[in-house]
Amino acid sequence: MKIGIIFESLLDETSRKTINDIENIILIYQKGSYFLLYDSINKTPIGYISFSLSRNGDVYVIYGAFAKNGYGPLLYELAMTYAYPNGITLDDSSGTSSAAMNVWNNFYNRVDVKKEPINRLEKSYKEKDLVAGCNGDEECLKEIEKILYLHNLKFSYNLGKQLLDKLINKGNEFLKQNPNLDLQSMIYHIESI
């Protein structure tokens, strides 16, 4: 899995899917690692989001994500629901692409997504590296200001824990019935589209 990468088509707000659009979609949860959306009719993976709890604060970090056909926002909403009330934030150890910044800016602008400061125990590697990379250059520091602002926020949204648990249980049952599914290959397949 390509950790720390968020692909261009991740968050297509114009064709945004909601929880009501996943009748034939299976949510597969790999504990402490990722959610994978799988189309059970077409037998193809359609998106994933990788996350884990940060050791440097009360927030889950998104390490990578990809989705097609407008499922990106839903994957983030599922991750936020899983992490609730802790919330999610940008990867705290690697860079943030312009495509990823678009994702976070869209969530920053959504009124139904709660944003609050992260209680970090110390500055993250990302923050230290970005500031150090500017070598005191004021113009550079202004450019990274928005990244650092978003990086120090946690984003919360809640579809409902009971609904998420139901989707995870449905995914667990699907995996029991289909034990030969290669989840890692599915993720690689999604990334290569």
N, C-alpha and C. Protein backbone atom coordinates (compact mmCIF):
# COMPACT_ATOMS: atom_id res chain seq x y z
N MET A 1 0.84 -1.17 0.00
CA MET A 1 0.00 0.00 0.00
C MET A 1 0.88 1.23 0.00
N LYS A 2 0.55 2.23 -0.77
CA LYS A 2 1.32 3.45 -0.85
C LYS A 2 0.87 4.38 0.27
N ILE A 3 1.54 4.31 1.40
CA ILE A 3 1.17 5.10 2.56
C ILE A 3 1.47 6.57 2.30
N GLY A 4 0.55 7.43 2.75
CA GLY A 4 0.77 8.86 2.66
C GLY A 4 0.38 9.46 1.33
N ILE A 5 -0.30 8.71 0.47
CA ILE A 5 -0.66 9.23 -0.84
C ILE A 5 -2.18 9.33 -0.94
N ILE A 6 -2.65 10.45 -1.42
CA ILE A 6 -4.08 10.60 -1.69
C ILE A 6 -4.19 10.95 -3.16
N PHE A 7 -4.95 10.18 -3.89
CA PHE A 7 -5.00 10.29 -5.34
C PHE A 7 -6.00 11.34 -5.80
N GLU A 8 -5.82 11.79 -7.04
CA GLU A 8 -6.57 12.89 -7.62
C GLU A 8 -8.09 12.73 -7.56
N SER A 9 -8.61 11.56 -7.85
CA SER A 9 -10.06 11.41 -7.95
C SER A 9 -10.72 11.08 -6.63
N LEU A 10 -10.00 11.26 -5.54
CA LEU A 10 -10.49 10.83 -4.24
C LEU A 10 -11.79 11.50 -3.83
N LEU A 11 -11.85 12.79 -3.89
CA LEU A 11 -13.00 13.49 -3.32
C LEU A 11 -13.71 14.27 -4.41
N ASP A 12 -14.58 13.61 -5.11
CA ASP A 12 -15.35 14.23 -6.18
C ASP A 12 -16.70 14.63 -5.60
N GLU A 13 -16.79 15.86 -5.12
CA GLU A 13 -18.01 16.33 -4.46
C GLU A 13 -19.21 16.39 -5.40
N THR A 14 -18.96 16.52 -6.72
CA THR A 14 -20.08 16.63 -7.65
C THR A 14 -20.85 15.32 -7.77
N SER A 15 -20.17 14.19 -7.60
CA SER A 15 -20.85 12.90 -7.69
C SER A 15 -20.79 12.17 -6.35
N ARG A 16 -20.76 12.92 -5.29
CA ARG A 16 -20.59 12.39 -3.94
C ARG A 16 -21.65 11.35 -3.59
N LYS A 17 -21.19 10.18 -3.15
CA LYS A 17 -22.07 9.11 -2.71
C LYS A 17 -22.32 9.25 -1.22
N THR A 18 -23.49 8.80 -0.80
CA THR A 18 -23.84 8.83 0.61
C THR A 18 -24.06 7.41 1.10
N ILE A 19 -24.35 7.28 2.36
CA ILE A 19 -24.61 5.98 2.96
C ILE A 19 -25.80 5.28 2.27
N ASN A 20 -26.69 6.06 1.67
CA ASN A 20 -27.85 5.50 0.97
C ASN A 20 -27.50 4.89 -0.38
N ASP A 21 -26.26 5.11 -0.84
CA ASP A 21 -25.84 4.62 -2.15
C ASP A 21 -25.05 3.32 -2.09
N ILE A 22 -25.06 2.64 -0.96
CA ILE A 22 -24.18 1.48 -0.85
C ILE A 22 -24.94 0.16 -0.64
N GLU A 23 -26.10 0.04 -1.23
CA GLU A 23 -26.90 -1.18 -1.05
C GLU A 23 -26.12 -2.44 -1.43
N ASN A 24 -25.43 -2.42 -2.56
CA ASN A 24 -24.67 -3.59 -3.02
C ASN A 24 -23.18 -3.46 -2.74
N ILE A 25 -22.82 -2.52 -1.89
CA ILE A 25 -21.41 -2.29 -1.56
C ILE A 25 -21.12 -2.91 -0.20
N ILE A 26 -20.03 -3.63 -0.12
CA ILE A 26 -19.59 -4.27 1.12
C ILE A 26 -18.48 -3.42 1.73
N LEU A 27 -18.58 -3.17 3.02
CA LEU A 27 -17.53 -2.46 3.75
C LEU A 27 -16.68 -3.50 4.47
N ILE A 28 -15.43 -3.59 4.08
CA ILE A 28 -14.50 -4.52 4.72
C ILE A 28 -13.59 -3.71 5.62
N TYR A 29 -13.52 -4.13 6.87
CA TYR A 29 -12.69 -3.44 7.86
C TYR A 29 -11.53 -4.32 8.26
N GLN A 30 -10.34 -3.81 8.07
CA GLN A 30 -9.13 -4.47 8.56
C GLN A 30 -8.73 -3.71 9.81
N LYS A 31 -8.89 -4.34 10.97
CA LYS A 31 -8.74 -3.68 12.27
C LYS A 31 -7.47 -2.84 12.38
N GLY A 32 -7.68 -1.57 12.76
CA GLY A 32 -6.56 -0.66 12.99
C GLY A 32 -5.79 -0.30 11.75
N SER A 33 -6.38 -0.53 10.58
CA SER A 33 -5.63 -0.33 9.36
C SER A 33 -6.41 0.38 8.25
N TYR A 34 -7.51 -0.20 7.79
CA TYR A 34 -8.22 0.42 6.68
C TYR A 34 -9.65 -0.06 6.54
N PHE A 35 -10.42 0.71 5.76
CA PHE A 35 -11.71 0.31 5.24
C PHE A 35 -11.55 0.11 3.74
N LEU A 36 -12.18 -0.91 3.22
CA LEU A 36 -12.19 -1.18 1.79
C LEU A 36 -13.63 -1.31 1.35
N LEU A 37 -14.03 -0.58 0.30
CA LEU A 37 -15.36 -0.72 -0.27
C LEU A 37 -15.28 -1.68 -1.44
N TYR A 38 -16.18 -2.67 -1.46
CA TYR A 38 -16.17 -3.70 -2.48
C TYR A 38 -17.55 -3.81 -3.10
N ASP A 39 -17.63 -3.70 -4.42
CA ASP A 39 -18.88 -3.83 -5.16
C ASP A 39 -19.17 -5.32 -5.34
N SER A 40 -20.16 -5.84 -4.61
CA SER A 40 -20.45 -7.27 -4.64
C SER A 40 -21.13 -7.71 -5.94
N ILE A 41 -21.74 -6.80 -6.67
CA ILE A 41 -22.38 -7.15 -7.94
C ILE A 41 -21.33 -7.29 -9.04
N ASN A 42 -20.48 -6.27 -9.17
CA ASN A 42 -19.45 -6.28 -10.21
C ASN A 42 -18.16 -6.96 -9.77
N LYS A 43 -18.11 -7.35 -8.50
CA LYS A 43 -16.96 -8.04 -7.92
C LYS A 43 -15.65 -7.26 -8.13
N THR A 44 -15.72 -5.98 -7.78
CA THR A 44 -14.54 -5.12 -7.90
C THR A 44 -14.42 -4.20 -6.68
N PRO A 45 -13.20 -3.92 -6.28
CA PRO A 45 -13.00 -2.93 -5.21
C PRO A 45 -13.22 -1.54 -5.78
N ILE A 46 -13.78 -0.65 -4.96
CA ILE A 46 -14.05 0.70 -5.47
C ILE A 46 -13.41 1.80 -4.63
N GLY A 47 -12.80 1.44 -3.50
CA GLY A 47 -12.13 2.47 -2.71
C GLY A 47 -11.62 1.94 -1.40
N TYR A 48 -10.66 2.65 -0.85
CA TYR A 48 -10.17 2.32 0.48
C TYR A 48 -9.66 3.59 1.16
N ILE A 49 -9.56 3.49 2.48
CA ILE A 49 -8.97 4.55 3.27
C ILE A 49 -8.18 3.88 4.40
N SER A 50 -6.93 4.30 4.55
CA SER A 50 -6.03 3.73 5.55
C SER A 50 -5.85 4.72 6.69
N PHE A 51 -5.94 4.24 7.95
CA PHE A 51 -5.88 5.14 9.10
C PHE A 51 -5.41 4.40 10.34
N SER A 52 -4.94 5.15 11.31
CA SER A 52 -4.64 4.59 12.64
C SER A 52 -4.58 5.71 13.65
N LEU A 53 -4.67 5.34 14.93
CA LEU A 53 -4.64 6.32 16.01
C LEU A 53 -3.23 6.87 16.14
N SER A 54 -3.11 8.17 16.21
CA SER A 54 -1.81 8.83 16.37
C SER A 54 -1.29 8.63 17.77
N ARG A 55 -0.01 8.47 17.88
CA ARG A 55 0.61 8.40 19.21
C ARG A 55 0.90 9.79 19.74
N ASN A 56 0.66 10.79 18.92
CA ASN A 56 0.97 12.17 19.27
C ASN A 56 -0.31 13.01 19.28
N GLY A 57 -1.30 12.56 19.99
CA GLY A 57 -2.54 13.33 20.06
C GLY A 57 -3.74 12.42 20.07
N ASP A 58 -4.88 13.01 20.26
CA ASP A 58 -6.12 12.27 20.39
C ASP A 58 -6.89 12.23 19.07
N VAL A 59 -6.24 11.76 18.00
CA VAL A 59 -6.80 11.83 16.67
C VAL A 59 -6.32 10.64 15.84
N TYR A 60 -7.13 10.24 14.87
CA TYR A 60 -6.72 9.22 13.91
C TYR A 60 -6.11 9.91 12.69
N VAL A 61 -5.03 9.35 12.19
CA VAL A 61 -4.32 9.91 11.05
C VAL A 61 -4.70 9.12 9.79
N ILE A 62 -4.98 9.85 8.72
CA ILE A 62 -5.26 9.23 7.43
C ILE A 62 -3.94 9.10 6.68
N TYR A 63 -3.58 7.87 6.36
CA TYR A 63 -2.30 7.62 5.68
C TYR A 63 -2.43 7.52 4.17
N GLY A 64 -3.57 7.10 3.69
CA GLY A 64 -3.76 7.00 2.25
C GLY A 64 -5.21 6.71 1.96
N ALA A 65 -5.64 7.10 0.77
CA ALA A 65 -7.02 6.87 0.38
C ALA A 65 -7.14 6.95 -1.13
N PHE A 66 -8.10 6.23 -1.65
CA PHE A 66 -8.43 6.30 -3.07
C PHE A 66 -9.85 5.79 -3.23
N ALA A 67 -10.59 6.43 -4.11
CA ALA A 67 -11.94 5.97 -4.42
C ALA A 67 -12.30 6.41 -5.82
N LYS A 68 -13.18 5.66 -6.43
CA LYS A 68 -13.70 6.08 -7.73
C LYS A 68 -15.20 6.32 -7.62
N ASN A 69 -15.73 7.00 -8.58
CA ASN A 69 -17.18 7.20 -8.69
C ASN A 69 -17.82 7.93 -7.51
N GLY A 70 -17.10 8.83 -6.87
CA GLY A 70 -17.70 9.65 -5.82
C GLY A 70 -17.76 9.02 -4.45
N TYR A 71 -17.09 7.90 -4.22
CA TYR A 71 -17.12 7.23 -2.92
C TYR A 71 -16.09 7.78 -1.93
N GLY A 72 -15.21 8.67 -2.36
CA GLY A 72 -14.19 9.23 -1.48
C GLY A 72 -14.75 9.90 -0.23
N PRO A 73 -15.69 10.83 -0.38
CA PRO A 73 -16.25 11.48 0.81
C PRO A 73 -16.86 10.48 1.78
N LEU A 74 -17.54 9.46 1.24
CA LEU A 74 -18.16 8.46 2.10
C LEU A 74 -17.10 7.69 2.90
N LEU A 75 -15.99 7.35 2.26
CA LEU A 75 -14.91 6.66 2.98
C LEU A 75 -14.41 7.52 4.14
N TYR A 76 -14.23 8.81 3.89
CA TYR A 76 -13.79 9.71 4.96
C TYR A 76 -14.85 9.78 6.06
N GLU A 77 -16.12 9.84 5.68
CA GLU A 77 -17.19 9.88 6.68
C GLU A 77 -17.21 8.60 7.51
N LEU A 78 -16.97 7.46 6.88
CA LEU A 78 -16.89 6.19 7.61
C LEU A 78 -15.72 6.20 8.58
N ALA A 79 -14.57 6.71 8.13
CA ALA A 79 -13.40 6.80 9.02
C ALA A 79 -13.67 7.76 10.17
N MET A 80 -14.33 8.88 9.89
CA MET A 80 -14.66 9.83 10.96
C MET A 80 -15.63 9.20 11.97
N THR A 81 -16.58 8.42 11.46
CA THR A 81 -17.54 7.75 12.34
C THR A 81 -16.82 6.73 13.21
N TYR A 82 -15.91 5.98 12.61
CA TYR A 82 -15.12 5.01 13.38
C TYR A 82 -14.31 5.72 14.47
N ALA A 83 -13.70 6.84 14.11
CA ALA A 83 -12.82 7.56 15.04
C ALA A 83 -13.58 8.42 16.04
N TYR A 84 -14.86 8.63 15.82
CA TYR A 84 -15.65 9.52 16.66
C TYR A 84 -15.58 9.12 18.14
N PRO A 85 -15.35 10.04 19.04
CA PRO A 85 -15.30 11.49 18.89
C PRO A 85 -13.89 12.04 18.63
N ASN A 86 -12.90 11.17 18.48
CA ASN A 86 -11.52 11.63 18.30
C ASN A 86 -11.31 12.42 17.02
N GLY A 87 -11.90 12.04 15.92
CA GLY A 87 -11.72 12.73 14.67
C GLY A 87 -10.52 12.22 13.88
N ILE A 88 -10.37 12.75 12.67
CA ILE A 88 -9.28 12.37 11.78
C ILE A 88 -8.50 13.61 11.37
N THR A 89 -7.26 13.39 10.89
CA THR A 89 -6.46 14.49 10.40
C THR A 89 -5.49 14.01 9.34
N LEU A 90 -4.75 14.95 8.77
CA LEU A 90 -3.75 14.66 7.75
C LEU A 90 -2.64 13.78 8.32
N ASP A 91 -1.99 13.03 7.44
CA ASP A 91 -0.83 12.23 7.82
C ASP A 91 0.16 13.14 8.53
N ASP A 92 0.68 12.70 9.67
CA ASP A 92 1.57 13.57 10.44
C ASP A 92 3.05 13.31 10.20
N SER A 93 3.37 12.47 9.21
CA SER A 93 4.78 12.21 8.96
C SER A 93 5.22 12.45 7.53
N SER A 94 4.30 12.53 6.58
CA SER A 94 4.71 12.75 5.19
C SER A 94 4.06 14.01 4.62
N GLY A 95 4.49 14.37 3.43
CA GLY A 95 4.00 15.57 2.77
C GLY A 95 2.52 15.49 2.42
N THR A 96 1.98 16.61 2.01
CA THR A 96 0.57 16.70 1.61
C THR A 96 0.50 17.24 0.20
N SER A 97 0.00 16.44 -0.72
CA SER A 97 -0.10 16.86 -2.11
C SER A 97 -1.20 17.90 -2.27
N SER A 98 -1.21 18.55 -3.42
CA SER A 98 -2.27 19.54 -3.68
C SER A 98 -3.63 18.85 -3.77
N ALA A 99 -3.67 17.62 -4.30
CA ALA A 99 -4.93 16.88 -4.35
C ALA A 99 -5.43 16.60 -2.94
N ALA A 100 -4.51 16.23 -2.05
CA ALA A 100 -4.89 15.97 -0.66
C ALA A 100 -5.38 17.25 0.01
N MET A 101 -4.73 18.36 -0.28
CA MET A 101 -5.18 19.63 0.31
C MET A 101 -6.60 19.96 -0.13
N ASN A 102 -6.96 19.62 -1.37
CA ASN A 102 -8.33 19.84 -1.83
C ASN A 102 -9.32 19.02 -1.00
N VAL A 103 -8.94 17.78 -0.68
CA VAL A 103 -9.77 16.92 0.14
C VAL A 103 -10.03 17.59 1.49
N TRP A 104 -8.96 17.97 2.16
CA TRP A 104 -9.09 18.56 3.50
C TRP A 104 -9.79 19.91 3.46
N ASN A 105 -9.56 20.70 2.43
CA ASN A 105 -10.26 21.99 2.29
C ASN A 105 -11.76 21.78 2.14
N ASN A 106 -12.16 20.75 1.37
CA ASN A 106 -13.59 20.46 1.22
C ASN A 106 -14.21 20.10 2.57
N PHE A 107 -13.52 19.29 3.36
CA PHE A 107 -14.06 18.95 4.67
C PHE A 107 -14.03 20.16 5.61
N TYR A 108 -13.04 20.99 5.48
CA TYR A 108 -12.97 22.20 6.30
C TYR A 108 -14.18 23.11 6.02
N ASN A 109 -14.60 23.15 4.76
CA ASN A 109 -15.71 24.02 4.37
C ASN A 109 -17.09 23.41 4.59
N ARG A 110 -17.18 22.13 4.86
CA ARG A 110 -18.48 21.51 5.12
C ARG A 110 -18.96 21.87 6.52
N VAL A 111 -20.18 22.38 6.60
CA VAL A 111 -20.72 22.80 7.89
C VAL A 111 -21.13 21.62 8.76
N ASP A 112 -21.34 20.44 8.14
CA ASP A 112 -21.73 19.27 8.91
C ASP A 112 -20.53 18.50 9.48
N VAL A 113 -19.33 18.98 9.21
CA VAL A 113 -18.11 18.36 9.74
C VAL A 113 -17.55 19.27 10.83
N LYS A 114 -17.41 18.73 12.01
CA LYS A 114 -16.89 19.50 13.15
C LYS A 114 -15.37 19.57 13.06
N LYS A 115 -14.82 20.75 13.31
CA LYS A 115 -13.37 20.97 13.31
C LYS A 115 -12.96 21.52 14.67
N GLU A 116 -11.93 20.91 15.27
CA GLU A 116 -11.43 21.42 16.54
C GLU A 116 -9.93 21.15 16.64
N PRO A 117 -9.22 21.93 17.46
CA PRO A 117 -7.78 21.76 17.58
C PRO A 117 -7.40 20.39 18.14
N ILE A 118 -6.26 19.89 17.67
CA ILE A 118 -5.71 18.63 18.18
C ILE A 118 -4.88 18.94 19.41
N ASN A 119 -5.00 18.12 20.43
CA ASN A 119 -4.17 18.25 21.63
C ASN A 119 -2.92 17.39 21.44
N ARG A 120 -1.97 17.90 20.64
CA ARG A 120 -0.74 17.16 20.37
C ARG A 120 0.17 17.20 21.59
N LEU A 121 0.87 16.09 21.79
CA LEU A 121 1.83 16.01 22.88
C LEU A 121 3.11 16.76 22.53
N GLU A 122 3.41 16.82 21.24
CA GLU A 122 4.57 17.56 20.72
C GLU A 122 4.32 17.87 19.26
N LYS A 123 5.16 18.71 18.67
CA LYS A 123 5.02 19.01 17.25
C LYS A 123 5.24 17.72 16.46
N SER A 124 4.46 17.56 15.40
CA SER A 124 4.59 16.36 14.57
C SER A 124 5.83 16.46 13.68
N TYR A 125 6.22 15.31 13.13
CA TYR A 125 7.34 15.30 12.18
C TYR A 125 7.02 16.19 10.99
N LYS A 126 5.78 16.15 10.54
CA LYS A 126 5.38 16.97 9.40
C LYS A 126 5.61 18.45 9.70
N GLU A 127 5.15 18.88 10.86
CA GLU A 127 5.29 20.29 11.23
C GLU A 127 6.76 20.69 11.34
N LYS A 128 7.55 19.86 11.99
CA LYS A 128 8.98 20.15 12.13
C LYS A 128 9.67 20.21 10.77
N ASP A 129 9.38 19.23 9.90
CA ASP A 129 10.02 19.17 8.59
C ASP A 129 9.62 20.34 7.70
N LEU A 130 8.33 20.68 7.70
CA LEU A 130 7.88 21.78 6.85
C LEU A 130 8.50 23.11 7.28
N VAL A 131 8.50 23.36 8.57
CA VAL A 131 9.07 24.62 9.08
C VAL A 131 10.58 24.64 8.83
N ALA A 132 11.26 23.54 9.12
CA ALA A 132 12.71 23.48 8.91
C ALA A 132 13.06 23.65 7.43
N GLY A 133 12.21 23.10 6.56
CA GLY A 133 12.45 23.21 5.12
C GLY A 133 12.37 24.63 4.60
N CYS A 134 11.73 25.51 5.33
CA CYS A 134 11.61 26.90 4.91
C CYS A 134 12.85 27.72 5.26
N ASN A 135 13.67 27.22 6.15
CA ASN A 135 14.91 27.92 6.55
C ASN A 135 14.66 29.38 6.90
N GLY A 136 13.54 29.65 7.56
CA GLY A 136 13.24 31.01 7.99
C GLY A 136 12.67 31.91 6.91
N ASP A 137 12.51 31.43 5.69
CA ASP A 137 11.97 32.21 4.57
C ASP A 137 10.49 32.51 4.83
N GLU A 138 10.16 33.79 5.00
CA GLU A 138 8.79 34.20 5.33
C GLU A 138 7.78 33.78 4.27
N GLU A 139 8.17 33.88 2.99
CA GLU A 139 7.26 33.49 1.91
C GLU A 139 6.93 32.00 1.98
N CYS A 140 7.93 31.20 2.23
CA CYS A 140 7.75 29.75 2.37
C CYS A 140 6.86 29.45 3.58
N LEU A 141 7.09 30.11 4.70
CA LEU A 141 6.29 29.90 5.90
C LEU A 141 4.83 30.26 5.66
N LYS A 142 4.58 31.30 4.86
CA LYS A 142 3.20 31.66 4.52
C LYS A 142 2.54 30.57 3.69
N GLU A 143 3.30 29.95 2.78
CA GLU A 143 2.77 28.89 1.92
C GLU A 143 2.37 27.65 2.73
N ILE A 144 3.12 27.33 3.75
CA ILE A 144 2.80 26.13 4.53
C ILE A 144 1.83 26.40 5.67
N GLU A 145 1.49 27.65 5.88
CA GLU A 145 0.60 28.02 6.98
C GLU A 145 -0.74 27.30 6.91
N LYS A 146 -1.36 27.23 5.73
CA LYS A 146 -2.66 26.57 5.57
C LYS A 146 -2.53 25.07 5.82
N ILE A 147 -1.46 24.45 5.32
CA ILE A 147 -1.25 23.02 5.55
C ILE A 147 -1.15 22.76 7.05
N LEU A 148 -0.34 23.56 7.73
CA LEU A 148 -0.15 23.36 9.17
C LEU A 148 -1.42 23.64 9.96
N TYR A 149 -2.21 24.62 9.50
CA TYR A 149 -3.47 24.91 10.16
C TYR A 149 -4.40 23.69 10.09
N LEU A 150 -4.56 23.13 8.88
CA LEU A 150 -5.42 21.96 8.71
C LEU A 150 -4.83 20.74 9.44
N HIS A 151 -3.52 20.63 9.41
CA HIS A 151 -2.82 19.52 10.06
C HIS A 151 -3.05 19.51 11.57
N ASN A 152 -3.30 20.64 12.14
CA ASN A 152 -3.51 20.74 13.59
C ASN A 152 -4.98 20.81 13.98
N LEU A 153 -5.84 20.38 13.05
CA LEU A 153 -7.27 20.26 13.32
C LEU A 153 -7.68 18.80 13.22
N LYS A 154 -8.65 18.43 14.04
CA LYS A 154 -9.27 17.12 13.86
C LYS A 154 -10.67 17.35 13.31
N PHE A 155 -11.03 16.49 12.36
CA PHE A 155 -12.30 16.59 11.66
C PHE A 155 -13.20 15.46 12.15
N SER A 156 -14.41 15.82 12.60
CA SER A 156 -15.33 14.82 13.15
C SER A 156 -16.66 14.87 12.42
N TYR A 157 -17.20 13.71 12.19
CA TYR A 157 -18.51 13.53 11.56
C TYR A 157 -19.01 12.18 12.03
N ASN A 158 -20.31 12.03 12.19
CA ASN A 158 -20.81 10.78 12.73
C ASN A 158 -22.05 10.32 11.98
N LEU A 159 -21.88 9.25 11.19
CA LEU A 159 -23.03 8.63 10.52
C LEU A 159 -23.84 7.78 11.49
N GLY A 160 -23.24 7.44 12.62
CA GLY A 160 -23.89 6.60 13.63
C GLY A 160 -23.11 5.32 13.84
N LYS A 161 -22.70 5.09 15.07
CA LYS A 161 -21.89 3.92 15.41
C LYS A 161 -22.64 2.62 15.13
N GLN A 162 -23.94 2.59 15.41
CA GLN A 162 -24.73 1.38 15.15
C GLN A 162 -24.76 1.04 13.67
N LEU A 163 -24.89 2.06 12.82
CA LEU A 163 -24.90 1.85 11.38
C LEU A 163 -23.54 1.34 10.92
N LEU A 164 -22.46 1.94 11.41
CA LEU A 164 -21.12 1.50 11.05
C LEU A 164 -20.89 0.07 11.51
N ASP A 165 -21.28 -0.27 12.73
CA ASP A 165 -21.13 -1.63 13.23
C ASP A 165 -21.90 -2.63 12.36
N LYS A 166 -23.08 -2.24 11.93
CA LYS A 166 -23.88 -3.10 11.05
C LYS A 166 -23.15 -3.33 9.73
N LEU A 167 -22.56 -2.29 9.16
CA LEU A 167 -21.82 -2.42 7.91
C LEU A 167 -20.58 -3.30 8.09
N ILE A 168 -19.87 -3.12 9.20
CA ILE A 168 -18.69 -3.93 9.49
C ILE A 168 -19.09 -5.40 9.66
N ASN A 169 -20.18 -5.66 10.38
CA ASN A 169 -20.65 -7.04 10.57
C ASN A 169 -21.03 -7.67 9.23
N LYS A 170 -21.70 -6.90 8.38
CA LYS A 170 -22.06 -7.39 7.05
C LYS A 170 -20.78 -7.73 6.26
N GLY A 171 -19.77 -6.90 6.37
CA GLY A 171 -18.49 -7.15 5.71
C GLY A 171 -17.80 -8.39 6.26
N ASN A 172 -17.86 -8.58 7.57
CA ASN A 172 -17.26 -9.77 8.19
C ASN A 172 -17.94 -11.04 7.68
N GLU A 173 -19.27 -11.01 7.58
CA GLU A 173 -20.01 -12.16 7.05
C GLU A 173 -19.62 -12.43 5.60
N PHE A 174 -19.48 -11.36 4.83
CA PHE A 174 -19.09 -11.51 3.42
C PHE A 174 -17.70 -12.15 3.32
N LEU A 175 -16.77 -11.74 4.18
CA LEU A 175 -15.43 -12.33 4.17
C LEU A 175 -15.46 -13.80 4.56
N LYS A 176 -16.32 -14.17 5.51
CA LYS A 176 -16.46 -15.58 5.89
C LYS A 176 -16.95 -16.42 4.70
N GLN A 177 -17.85 -15.84 3.92
CA GLN A 177 -18.40 -16.55 2.76
C GLN A 177 -17.44 -16.53 1.57
N ASN A 178 -16.46 -15.63 1.59
CA ASN A 178 -15.50 -15.46 0.49
C ASN A 178 -14.08 -15.40 1.05
N PRO A 179 -13.62 -16.49 1.66
CA PRO A 179 -12.33 -16.46 2.36
C PRO A 179 -11.11 -16.32 1.46
N ASN A 180 -11.27 -16.49 0.17
CA ASN A 180 -10.12 -16.41 -0.74
C ASN A 180 -9.90 -15.02 -1.34
N LEU A 181 -10.67 -14.04 -0.90
CA LEU A 181 -10.47 -12.68 -1.40
C LEU A 181 -9.11 -12.17 -0.95
N ASP A 182 -8.34 -11.63 -1.87
CA ASP A 182 -7.02 -11.08 -1.57
C ASP A 182 -7.17 -9.57 -1.42
N LEU A 183 -7.33 -9.12 -0.19
CA LEU A 183 -7.60 -7.70 0.07
C LEU A 183 -6.45 -6.81 -0.35
N GLN A 184 -5.22 -7.23 -0.11
CA GLN A 184 -4.06 -6.41 -0.51
C GLN A 184 -4.01 -6.24 -2.03
N SER A 185 -4.31 -7.29 -2.77
CA SER A 185 -4.34 -7.19 -4.23
C SER A 185 -5.43 -6.23 -4.68
N MET A 186 -6.55 -6.23 -3.96
CA MET A 186 -7.63 -5.30 -4.30
C MET A 186 -7.17 -3.86 -4.12
N ILE A 187 -6.46 -3.61 -3.04
CA ILE A 187 -5.97 -2.25 -2.80
C ILE A 187 -4.99 -1.84 -3.90
N TYR A 188 -4.09 -2.73 -4.26
CA TYR A 188 -3.15 -2.43 -5.34
C TYR A 188 -3.90 -2.19 -6.65
N HIS A 189 -4.96 -2.97 -6.87
CA HIS A 189 -5.77 -2.80 -8.07
C HIS A 189 -6.41 -1.41 -8.11
N ILE A 190 -6.96 -0.99 -6.98
CA ILE A 190 -7.58 0.33 -6.89
C ILE A 190 -6.55 1.41 -7.21
N GLU A 191 -5.36 1.29 -6.65
CA GLU A 191 -4.31 2.29 -6.86
C GLU A 191 -3.83 2.36 -8.31
N SER A 192 -3.99 1.26 -9.06
CA SER A 192 -3.46 1.24 -10.42
C SER A 192 -4.46 1.73 -11.45
N ILE A 193 -5.68 2.01 -11.04
CA ILE A 193 -6.72 2.47 -11.99
C ILE A 193 -6.43 3.89 -12.39
